[in-house]
Structure formats: C-alpha cells, structure tokens
C-alpha atoms as a PDB file:
ATOM      1  CA  MET A   1       7.240  22.126   6.743  1.00  0.00           C
ATOM      2  CA  ARG A   2       5.858  18.752   6.347  1.00  0.00           C
ATOM      3  CA  VAL A   3       3.443  17.941   3.703  1.00  0.00           C
ATOM      4  CA  LEU A   4       0.467  16.002   4.860  1.00  0.00           C
ATOM      5  CA  HIS A   5      -0.981  13.389   2.612  1.00  0.00           C
ATOM      6  CA  TYR A   6      -4.013  11.882   2.497  1.00  0.00           C
ATOM      7  CA  GLN A   7      -6.239  13.858   4.832  1.00  0.00           C
ATOM      8  CA  THR A   8      -9.626  13.894   6.013  1.00  0.00           C
ATOM      9  CA  ASP A   9     -11.590  14.342   2.712  1.00  0.00           C
ATOM     10  CA  LEU A  10      -9.016  11.963   0.446  1.00  0.00           C
ATOM     11  CA  ALA A  11      -8.865   9.373   3.234  1.00  0.00           C
ATOM     12  CA  TYR A  12     -12.874   9.072   2.894  1.00  0.00           C
ATOM     13  CA  VAL A  13     -12.863   9.065  -0.834  1.00  0.00           C
ATOM     14  CA  HIS A  14     -10.229   6.187  -0.960  1.00  0.00           C
ATOM     15  CA  ASP A  15     -12.209   4.404   1.812  1.00  0.00           C
ATOM     16  CA  THR A  16     -15.499   4.645  -0.031  1.00  0.00           C
ATOM     17  CA  GLY A  17     -14.453   4.787  -3.568  1.00  0.00           C
ATOM     18  CA  PHE A  18     -11.300   2.844  -4.301  1.00  0.00           C
ATOM     19  CA  GLY A  19     -11.610   0.126  -1.071  1.00  0.00           C
ATOM     20  CA  ASP A  20     -12.344  -2.610  -3.620  1.00  0.00           C
ATOM     21  CA  PHE A  21      -8.885  -3.452  -3.933  1.00  0.00           C
ATOM     22  CA  SER A  22      -7.753  -4.593  -0.412  1.00  0.00           C
ATOM     23  CA  ARG A  23     -11.580  -6.494  -0.258  1.00  0.00           C
ATOM     24  CA  ASN A  24     -10.992  -8.029  -3.561  1.00  0.00           C
ATOM     25  CA  ALA A  25      -7.215  -9.183  -2.499  1.00  0.00           C
ATOM     26  CA  ALA A  26      -7.690 -10.508   0.951  1.00  0.00           C
ATOM     27  CA  PRO A  27      -9.073 -13.877   0.182  1.00  0.00           C
ATOM     28  CA  GLY A  28      -5.887 -13.983  -2.295  1.00  0.00           C
ATOM     29  CA  LEU A  29      -3.892 -13.238   0.118  1.00  0.00           C
ATOM     30  CA  LEU A  30      -5.329 -15.555   3.323  1.00  0.00           C
ATOM     31  CA  GLU A  31      -5.159 -18.523   0.646  1.00  0.00           C
ATOM     32  CA  MET A  32      -1.216 -17.258  -0.103  1.00  0.00           C
ATOM     33  CA  LEU A  33      -0.267 -16.758   4.271  1.00  0.00           C
ATOM     34  CA  ARG A  34      -2.431 -20.472   4.896  1.00  0.00           C
ATOM     35  CA  ARG A  35      -0.540 -21.903   1.728  1.00  0.00           C
ATOM     36  CA  LYS A  36       2.861 -21.158   3.599  1.00  0.00           C
ATOM     37  CA  GLY A  37       1.773 -22.598   6.888  1.00  0.00           C
ATOM     38  CA  ILE A  38       1.186 -19.217   8.361  1.00  0.00           C
ATOM     39  CA  HIS A  39      -2.303 -19.573   9.810  1.00  0.00           C
ATOM     40  CA  ARG A  40      -1.695 -17.332  13.140  1.00  0.00           C
ATOM     41  CA  GLY A  41       0.738 -14.865  14.870  1.00  0.00           C
ATOM     42  CA  LEU A  42       1.152 -10.833  14.118  1.00  0.00           C
ATOM     43  CA  VAL A  43       0.656  -9.684  10.715  1.00  0.00           C
ATOM     44  CA  ILE A  44       2.139  -6.363   9.669  1.00  0.00           C
ATOM     45  CA  ASP A  45       0.246  -4.295   7.584  1.00  0.00           C
ATOM     46  CA  LEU A  46       2.382  -1.198   5.905  1.00  0.00           C
ATOM     47  CA  GLY A  47       0.248   1.594   4.161  1.00  0.00           C
ATOM     48  CA  CYS A  48      -2.847  -0.274   5.911  1.00  0.00           C
ATOM     49  CA  GLY A  49      -4.873   3.025   4.713  1.00  0.00           C
ATOM     50  CA  SER A  50      -8.405   2.598   6.050  1.00  0.00           C
ATOM     51  CA  GLY A  51      -7.707  -1.036   7.775  1.00  0.00           C
ATOM     52  CA  ILE A  52     -10.178  -2.732   5.129  1.00  0.00           C
ATOM     53  CA  TRP A  53      -7.011  -5.794   5.198  1.00  0.00           C
ATOM     54  CA  ALA A  54      -6.682  -5.440   8.574  1.00  0.00           C
ATOM     55  CA  ARG A  55     -10.330  -6.146   9.603  1.00  0.00           C
ATOM     56  CA  ALA A  56     -10.262  -9.321   7.147  1.00  0.00           C
ATOM     57  CA  LEU A  57      -7.041 -10.365   8.878  1.00  0.00           C
ATOM     58  CA  THR A  58      -8.249  -9.994  12.513  1.00  0.00           C
ATOM     59  CA  GLN A  59     -11.972 -11.943  11.299  1.00  0.00           C
ATOM     60  CA  ALA A  60      -9.010 -14.693   9.930  1.00  0.00           C
ATOM     61  CA  GLY A  61      -7.647 -14.951  13.567  1.00  0.00           C
ATOM     62  CA  TYR A  62      -4.566 -13.328  13.124  1.00  0.00           C
ATOM     63  CA  GLU A  63      -2.916 -10.562  15.224  1.00  0.00           C
ATOM     64  CA  VAL A  64      -2.622  -7.546  13.244  1.00  0.00           C
ATOM     65  CA  LEU A  65      -0.445  -4.065  13.515  1.00  0.00           C
ATOM     66  CA  GLY A  66      -1.038  -1.491  11.133  1.00  0.00           C
ATOM     67  CA  ILE A  67       0.850   1.642   9.884  1.00  0.00           C
ATOM     68  CA  ASP A  68       0.201   4.379   8.248  1.00  0.00           C
ATOM     69  CA  ILE A  69       1.966   7.448   7.768  1.00  0.00           C
ATOM     70  CA  SER A  70      -2.061   9.290   7.221  1.00  0.00           C
ATOM     71  CA  SER A  71      -3.739   9.901  10.481  1.00  0.00           C
ATOM     72  CA  ALA A  72      -6.898  10.570   8.776  1.00  0.00           C
ATOM     73  CA  MET A  73      -6.543   6.839   7.635  1.00  0.00           C
ATOM     74  CA  ILE A  74      -5.591   5.645  10.645  1.00  0.00           C
ATOM     75  CA  GLN A  75      -8.518   7.042  12.732  1.00  0.00           C
ATOM     76  CA  LEU A  76     -10.751   5.376   9.601  1.00  0.00           C
ATOM     77  CA  ALA A  77      -8.957   2.166  10.351  1.00  0.00           C
ATOM     78  CA  ARG A  78      -9.354   2.333  14.133  1.00  0.00           C
ATOM     79  CA  ARG A  79     -13.405   2.314  13.998  1.00  0.00           C
ATOM     80  CA  LYS A  80     -13.251  -0.706  10.448  1.00  0.00           C
ATOM     81  CA  ALA A  81     -10.809  -3.064  12.660  1.00  0.00           C
ATOM     82  CA  PRO A  82     -11.209  -2.833  16.330  1.00  0.00           C
ATOM     83  CA  LEU A  83      -9.062  -5.903  17.270  1.00  0.00           C
ATOM     84  CA  ALA A  84      -6.072  -4.619  15.497  1.00  0.00           C
ATOM     85  CA  LYS A  85      -3.347  -2.384  16.539  1.00  0.00           C
ATOM     86  CA  PHE A  86      -2.273   1.120  14.478  1.00  0.00           C
ATOM     87  CA  LYS A  87       0.388   3.151  14.502  1.00  0.00           C
ATOM     88  CA  ILE A  88       1.266   6.653  12.880  1.00  0.00           C
ATOM     89  CA  ALA A  89       4.410   6.187  10.927  1.00  0.00           C
ATOM     90  CA  SER A  90       6.766   6.190   7.693  1.00  0.00           C
ATOM     91  CA  LEU A  91       6.086   2.806   6.896  1.00  0.00           C
ATOM     92  CA  LEU A  92       9.497   2.564   5.627  1.00  0.00           C
ATOM     93  CA  ARG A  93      11.753   3.774   8.991  1.00  0.00           C
ATOM     94  CA  CYS A  94       9.042   2.120  11.622  1.00  0.00           C
ATOM     95  CA  LYS A  95      10.145  -0.219  14.277  1.00  0.00           C
ATOM     96  CA  LEU A  96       9.074  -3.409  12.970  1.00  0.00           C
ATOM     97  CA  PRO A  97       8.573  -6.092  16.186  1.00  0.00           C
ATOM     98  CA  SER A  98       8.861  -9.703  15.673  1.00  0.00           C
ATOM     99  CA  CYS A  99       6.119 -11.176  13.157  1.00  0.00           C
ATOM    100  CA  VAL A 100       4.794 -14.153  10.928  1.00  0.00           C
ATOM    101  CA  ALA A 101       4.512 -11.876   8.137  1.00  0.00           C
ATOM    102  CA  ILE A 102       4.576  -8.544   6.590  1.00  0.00           C
ATOM    103  CA  THR A 103       2.078  -6.887   3.620  1.00  0.00           C
ATOM    104  CA  SER A 104       1.979  -3.797   2.063  1.00  0.00           C
ATOM    105  CA  LEU A 105      -1.165  -3.169  -0.302  1.00  0.00           C
ATOM    106  CA  GLY A 106      -1.738  -0.804  -3.073  1.00  0.00           C
ATOM    107  CA  GLU A 107       1.804   0.499  -4.127  1.00  0.00           C
ATOM    108  CA  CYS A 108       2.358   2.200  -0.346  1.00  0.00           C
ATOM    109  CA  LEU A 109       6.229   1.340  -1.182  1.00  0.00           C
ATOM    110  CA  ASN A 110       6.137   3.581  -3.967  1.00  0.00           C
ATOM    111  CA  TYR A 111       4.777   6.593  -2.855  1.00  0.00           C
ATOM    112  CA  GLN A 112       7.529   9.496  -1.747  1.00  0.00           C
ATOM    113  CA  PHE A 113       5.319  10.733   1.564  1.00  0.00           C
ATOM    114  CA  ASP A 114       8.685  10.372   3.152  1.00  0.00           C
ATOM    115  CA  ARG A 115      11.269  11.103   0.779  1.00  0.00           C
ATOM    116  CA  HIS A 116      13.463   8.063   0.233  1.00  0.00           C
ATOM    117  CA  THR A 117      16.246   6.606  -1.900  1.00  0.00           C
ATOM    118  CA  LYS A 118      16.520   2.933  -3.594  1.00  0.00           C
ATOM    119  CA  ILE A 119      19.464   3.052  -0.622  1.00  0.00           C
ATOM    120  CA  ASP A 120      16.344   3.192   1.947  1.00  0.00           C
ATOM    121  CA  LEU A 121      14.467   0.828   0.438  1.00  0.00           C
ATOM    122  CA  ILE A 122      17.435  -2.012   0.547  1.00  0.00           C
ATOM    123  CA  THR A 123      17.467  -0.949   4.338  1.00  0.00           C
ATOM    124  CA  PHE A 124      14.231  -1.362   4.448  1.00  0.00           C
ATOM    125  CA  PHE A 125      14.047  -4.564   3.243  1.00  0.00           C
ATOM    126  CA  GLU A 126      17.107  -6.061   5.443  1.00  0.00           C
ATOM    127  CA  ARG A 127      15.141  -4.843   9.112  1.00  0.00           C
ATOM    128  CA  VAL A 128      11.950  -6.386   7.060  1.00  0.00           C
ATOM    129  CA  TYR A 129      13.755  -9.623   6.721  1.00  0.00           C
ATOM    130  CA  SER A 130      15.143  -8.877  10.638  1.00  0.00           C
ATOM    131  CA  ALA A 131      11.605  -8.806  12.012  1.00  0.00           C
ATOM    132  CA  LEU A 132      10.356 -11.966  10.306  1.00  0.00           C
ATOM    133  CA  GLN A 133      10.213 -15.444  12.113  1.00  0.00           C
ATOM    134  CA  PRO A 134      11.376 -17.757   9.995  1.00  0.00           C
ATOM    135  CA  GLY A 135       8.980 -18.920   6.883  1.00  0.00           C
ATOM    136  CA  GLY A 136       7.804 -15.734   6.902  1.00  0.00           C
ATOM    137  CA  VAL A 137       6.616 -13.911   4.241  1.00  0.00           C
ATOM    138  CA  PHE A 138       6.690 -10.359   2.886  1.00  0.00           C
ATOM    139  CA  ILE A 139       4.079  -9.677   0.350  1.00  0.00           C
ATOM    140  CA  PHE A 140       3.800  -6.237  -1.677  1.00  0.00           C
ATOM    141  CA  ASP A 141       2.996  -4.521  -5.050  1.00  0.00           C
ATOM    142  CA  ILE A 142       4.491  -1.783  -6.777  1.00  0.00           C
ATOM    143  CA  ALA A 143       3.875   0.499  -9.519  1.00  0.00           C
ATOM    144  CA  GLU A 144       6.493  -0.207 -12.561  1.00  0.00           C
ATOM    145  CA  PRO A 145       7.580   2.359 -15.571  1.00  0.00           C
ATOM    146  CA  GLY A 146       5.203   2.734 -18.391  1.00  0.00           C
ATOM    147  CA  TYR A 147       2.261   2.851 -15.663  1.00  0.00           C
ATOM    148  CA  VAL A 148       0.469   5.756 -17.453  1.00  0.00           C
ATOM    149  CA  HIS A 149      -0.989   4.826 -21.200  1.00  0.00           C
ATOM    150  CA  GLY A 150      -1.754   6.586 -23.835  1.00  0.00           C
ATOM    151  CA  THR A 151      -2.142  10.264 -23.277  1.00  0.00           C
ATOM    152  CA  ASN A 152       0.540  11.391 -20.843  1.00  0.00           C
ATOM    153  CA  PRO A 153      -0.279  13.502 -18.646  1.00  0.00           C
ATOM    154  CA  GLN A 154      -3.859  11.351 -18.292  1.00  0.00           C
ATOM    155  CA  ARG A 155      -6.773  13.373 -16.801  1.00  0.00           C
ATOM    156  CA  THR A 156      -9.570  11.768 -15.442  1.00  0.00           C
ATOM    157  CA  TYR A 157     -13.087  11.658 -13.388  1.00  0.00           C
ATOM    158  CA  VAL A 158     -13.961   9.755 -10.710  1.00  0.00           C
ATOM    159  CA  GLU A 159     -17.238  10.313  -8.783  1.00  0.00           C
ATOM    160  CA  GLY A 160     -19.496   8.712  -6.251  1.00  0.00           C
ATOM    161  CA  LYS A 161     -22.444   9.349  -3.771  1.00  0.00           C
ATOM    162  CA  GLY A 162     -21.518  12.760  -1.829  1.00  0.00           C
ATOM    163  CA  TRP A 163     -18.002  13.199  -3.589  1.00  0.00           C
ATOM    164  CA  ALA A 164     -15.523  13.678  -6.975  1.00  0.00           C
ATOM    165  CA  ILE A 165     -12.539  13.856  -7.785  1.00  0.00           C
ATOM    166  CA  LEU A 166     -10.751  14.669 -10.375  1.00  0.00           C
ATOM    167  CA  LEU A 167      -7.109  13.543 -11.302  1.00  0.00           C
ATOM    168  CA  GLN A 168      -4.577  13.947 -13.267  1.00  0.00           C
ATOM    169  CA  LYS A 169      -1.429  11.646 -14.002  1.00  0.00           C
ATOM    170  CA  GLU A 170       1.978  12.679 -15.203  1.00  0.00           C
ATOM    171  CA  GLU A 171       4.606  10.175 -15.734  1.00  0.00           C
ATOM    172  CA  ASP A 172       8.594  10.936 -16.298  1.00  0.00           C
ATOM    173  CA  ARG A 173       9.592   8.197 -18.274  1.00  0.00           C
ATOM    174  CA  ARG A 174      13.547   9.157 -17.872  1.00  0.00           C
ATOM    175  CA  GLN A 175      13.539   9.957 -14.268  1.00  0.00           C
ATOM    176  CA  GLU A 176      10.713   6.808 -13.776  1.00  0.00           C
ATOM    177  CA  THR A 177       8.342   8.975 -11.392  1.00  0.00           C
ATOM    178  CA  LEU A 178       4.813   9.716 -11.357  1.00  0.00           C
ATOM    179  CA  MET A 179       2.774  12.739 -10.060  1.00  0.00           C
ATOM    180  CA  ARG A 180      -0.748  12.094  -8.976  1.00  0.00           C
ATOM    181  CA  THR A 181      -2.585  16.123  -8.752  1.00  0.00           C
ATOM    182  CA  MET A 182      -6.075  15.278  -7.595  1.00  0.00           C
ATOM    183  CA  THR A 183      -8.891  18.274  -7.106  1.00  0.00           C
ATOM    184  CA  ILE A 184     -11.263  16.461  -4.266  1.00  0.00           C
ATOM    185  CA  PHE A 185     -14.950  17.482  -3.844  1.00  0.00           C
ATOM    186  CA  ARG A 186     -16.443  16.203  -0.952  1.00  0.00           C
ATOM    187  CA  LYS A 187     -20.253  16.976   0.339  1.00  0.00           C
ATOM    188  CA  VAL A 188     -20.562  18.382   4.072  1.00  0.00           C
ATOM    189  CA  GLY A 189     -24.279  19.403   4.737  1.00  0.00           C
ATOM    190  CA  ARG A 190     -25.225  21.225   1.782  1.00  0.00           C
ATOM    191  CA  LEU A 191     -22.201  22.197   0.129  1.00  0.00           C
ATOM    192  CA  TYR A 192     -18.921  20.731  -1.295  1.00  0.00           C
ATOM    193  CA  ARG A 193     -16.143  21.168   0.560  1.00  0.00           C
ATOM    194  CA  ARG A 194     -12.920  21.540  -2.154  1.00  0.00           C
ATOM    195  CA  SER A 195      -9.143  20.019  -1.390  1.00  0.00           C
ATOM    196  CA  GLU A 196      -6.465  19.121  -3.437  1.00  0.00           C
ATOM    197  CA  GLU A 197      -3.129  16.926  -2.784  1.00  0.00           C
ATOM    198  CA  VAL A 198      -0.059  16.017  -4.983  1.00  0.00           C
ATOM    199  CA  HIS A 199       1.511  12.659  -4.880  1.00  0.00           C
ATOM    200  CA  ARG A 200       4.936  11.949  -6.152  1.00  0.00           C
ATOM    201  CA  VAL A 201       5.563   8.592  -6.673  1.00  0.00           C
ATOM    202  CA  GLN A 202       9.247   6.773  -7.758  1.00  0.00           C
ATOM    203  CA  LEU A 203       8.643   3.798 -10.130  1.00  0.00           C
ATOM    204  CA  TYR A 204      10.218   0.526  -9.250  1.00  0.00           C
ATOM    205  CA  ARG A 205      11.091  -2.617 -11.292  1.00  0.00           C
ATOM    206  CA  GLY A 206       9.638  -5.708 -10.291  1.00  0.00           C
ATOM    207  CA  ASN A 207      12.900  -7.604 -10.862  1.00  0.00           C
ATOM    208  CA  ALA A 208      15.374  -5.091  -9.572  1.00  0.00           C
ATOM    209  CA  LEU A 209      13.624  -5.188  -6.576  1.00  0.00           C
ATOM    210  CA  ALA A 210      13.530  -8.947  -6.614  1.00  0.00           C
ATOM    211  CA  LYS A 211      17.548  -8.404  -6.936  1.00  0.00           C
ATOM    212  CA  GLU A 212      17.973  -6.709  -4.016  1.00  0.00           C
ATOM    213  CA  LEU A 213      15.924  -9.134  -1.893  1.00  0.00           C
ATOM    214  CA  ARG A 214      17.293 -11.798  -2.709  1.00  0.00           C
ATOM    215  CA  LYS A 215      20.841 -10.381  -2.160  1.00  0.00           C
ATOM    216  CA  VAL A 216      19.455  -9.616   1.603  1.00  0.00           C
ATOM    217  CA  GLY A 217      18.293 -13.571   2.085  1.00  0.00           C
ATOM    218  CA  PHE A 218      14.882 -13.964   0.760  1.00  0.00           C
ATOM    219  CA  ILE A 219      13.209 -16.494  -1.552  1.00  0.00           C
ATOM    220  CA  VAL A 220      11.734 -14.563  -4.261  1.00  0.00           C
ATOM    221  CA  LYS A 221       8.949 -14.853  -6.799  1.00  0.00           C
ATOM    222  CA  LEU A 222       7.076 -11.909  -9.000  1.00  0.00           C
ATOM    223  CA  ILE A 223       3.090 -12.799  -9.101  1.00  0.00           C
ATOM    224  CA  ARG A 224       0.776 -10.939 -11.188  1.00  0.00           C
ATOM    225  CA  GLY A 225      -2.163 -10.642  -8.678  1.00  0.00           C
ATOM    226  CA  TYR A 226      -4.049 -11.973  -5.297  1.00  0.00           C
ATOM    227  CA  GLY A 227      -5.896 -15.288  -6.188  1.00  0.00           C
ATOM    228  CA  GLU A 228      -8.470 -13.769  -8.099  1.00  0.00           C
ATOM    229  CA  LEU A 229      -7.511 -10.803  -8.427  1.00  0.00           C
ATOM    230  CA  ARG A 230      -5.435  -9.720 -11.455  1.00  0.00           C
ATOM    231  CA  PHE A 231      -3.248  -6.571 -11.393  1.00  0.00           C
ATOM    232  CA  ARG A 232      -3.281  -3.803 -13.749  1.00  0.00           C
ATOM    233  CA  LYS A 233      -0.614  -3.632 -16.745  1.00  0.00           C
ATOM    234  CA  ALA A 234       2.577  -1.897 -15.088  1.00  0.00           C
ATOM    235  CA  VAL A 235       2.085  -3.411 -11.772  1.00  0.00           C
ATOM    236  CA  VAL A 236       3.752  -6.270  -9.959  1.00  0.00           C
ATOM    237  CA  GLY A 237       3.433  -8.268  -6.769  1.00  0.00           C
ATOM    238  CA  VAL A 238       6.471 -10.038  -4.747  1.00  0.00           C
ATOM    239  CA  LEU A 239       6.100 -12.881  -2.191  1.00  0.00           C
ATOM    240  CA  ALA A 240       9.660 -13.125  -0.627  1.00  0.00           C
ATOM    241  CA  VAL A 241      10.015 -15.518   1.866  1.00  0.00           C
ATOM    242  CA  LYS A 242      12.199 -15.866   5.147  1.00  0.00           C
ATOM    243  CA  PRO A 243      14.376 -19.232   4.769  1.00  0.00           C
END
C-alpha cells in the first residue's frame, strides 16, 4: 500500500508555519538566474510544495512547471500561483521537458517518499542534464550527515495560530539516514484534529554529489545559501551549470 506524505494538515502547517525558507530564498535565487543570463523561459520547480517559489518565479516573468508528490501541496500551490502549471508526480521519475532551469528547494532530494538509491539519483542527474538547454542551471540544497546536533533523538515542539506540531528527529549515523516523526494538531472548527507522519530521509554529502554531477557534464559549485539566506549547519546548496 502506498504511504501518503504531506497530507492535508501537514501541508497546511508547512505552508503557514514554515514557508519563510522559500520566501526568503526567492530574491537570491532570482539573482542567481539573472547572473547566468536566464531572464525568461521555463523553470521546473521540483518538490514545489505550496507554490511559494513558483509564485515568485511567475511574478518575475518566468514560465513555471511545479512538480510534487503531495496532492495536498499541489492543491495549495494552484491557488497560490495560478499562472504556473503543476503536476502530481515523483520529482525523481517525472518527465522533464526542455527548460532553462531546474530547482529543488528544502532538501527535497533527500526524502525517500519514493524509495530510491544513489544510482537512481545519478540517473536523475542525467535526465536533468538532458532537459536543460545549453547554459541552463540546476539549483538545489541537500541535508548532509550530522544534521542532528546534540541529543539524538532530538524532540521539538512548534505551534502557530490554529496548529501545533511535535517533531522527533533521529539520525542513524552509520546508515546516514534521518527519521522525522511528526504528530500534527490542526484546529478544525472548535476542536483540534490529530494526524501523524513519518518521513525517512537519506543524507548525502555535497562533495560526493558534486562529483557525480561533474561526471554527467555539469560545471558545479557548492554554495552556502541563496543570497542573504544562509543554510543551517549540515545543509549545502549546489549550483550546477550545463555548458
């Protein structure tokens, strides 16, 4: 049976409570595109979530195709970015049309919603390279080993207006994996509805992925943020350019 992730309540909480990452990343990402001479054309947003980055792209004059495995996220994205096109699909296995840029924000390539191996990821890099036009860019960020600091497992609690989430993060340092176990509470009417999700994350080393991207043909640079937005420890960004 297929396990669903980012269902209605977690999608809502992610959009309302954790959307600042995409909003704060947008100015720096747009500047990166412009510096590479990319001022128009199709940008594919992989793991598009609720459409925050897609909306910024359309407002800047780009065409956008957003892809996400969560139907709840896509539903939010279609309302938030009506000028973009969206598709529910695995970001690793979906068809990639010819484009000027491909982005994936928020450690999406780490998630094992659709189980994959490093070989699958390398095959995906080859497909990205083929889809990009000459001079096109592939920009993404990933979580690396050492993501959980201090106590392991680590437990946190976050709340906002009409919602709360209990989060446990546990890193297996031998397997280089991370498990996020979440209990979500969302106010519906006068009561709170409870749901649970468990996300398995494969941690990758930026230098190792950069090496594989170079084998495919990319010119690669590791980055520590998108403009003024700086990544937390154990997160690294990748800027890969197709010659």
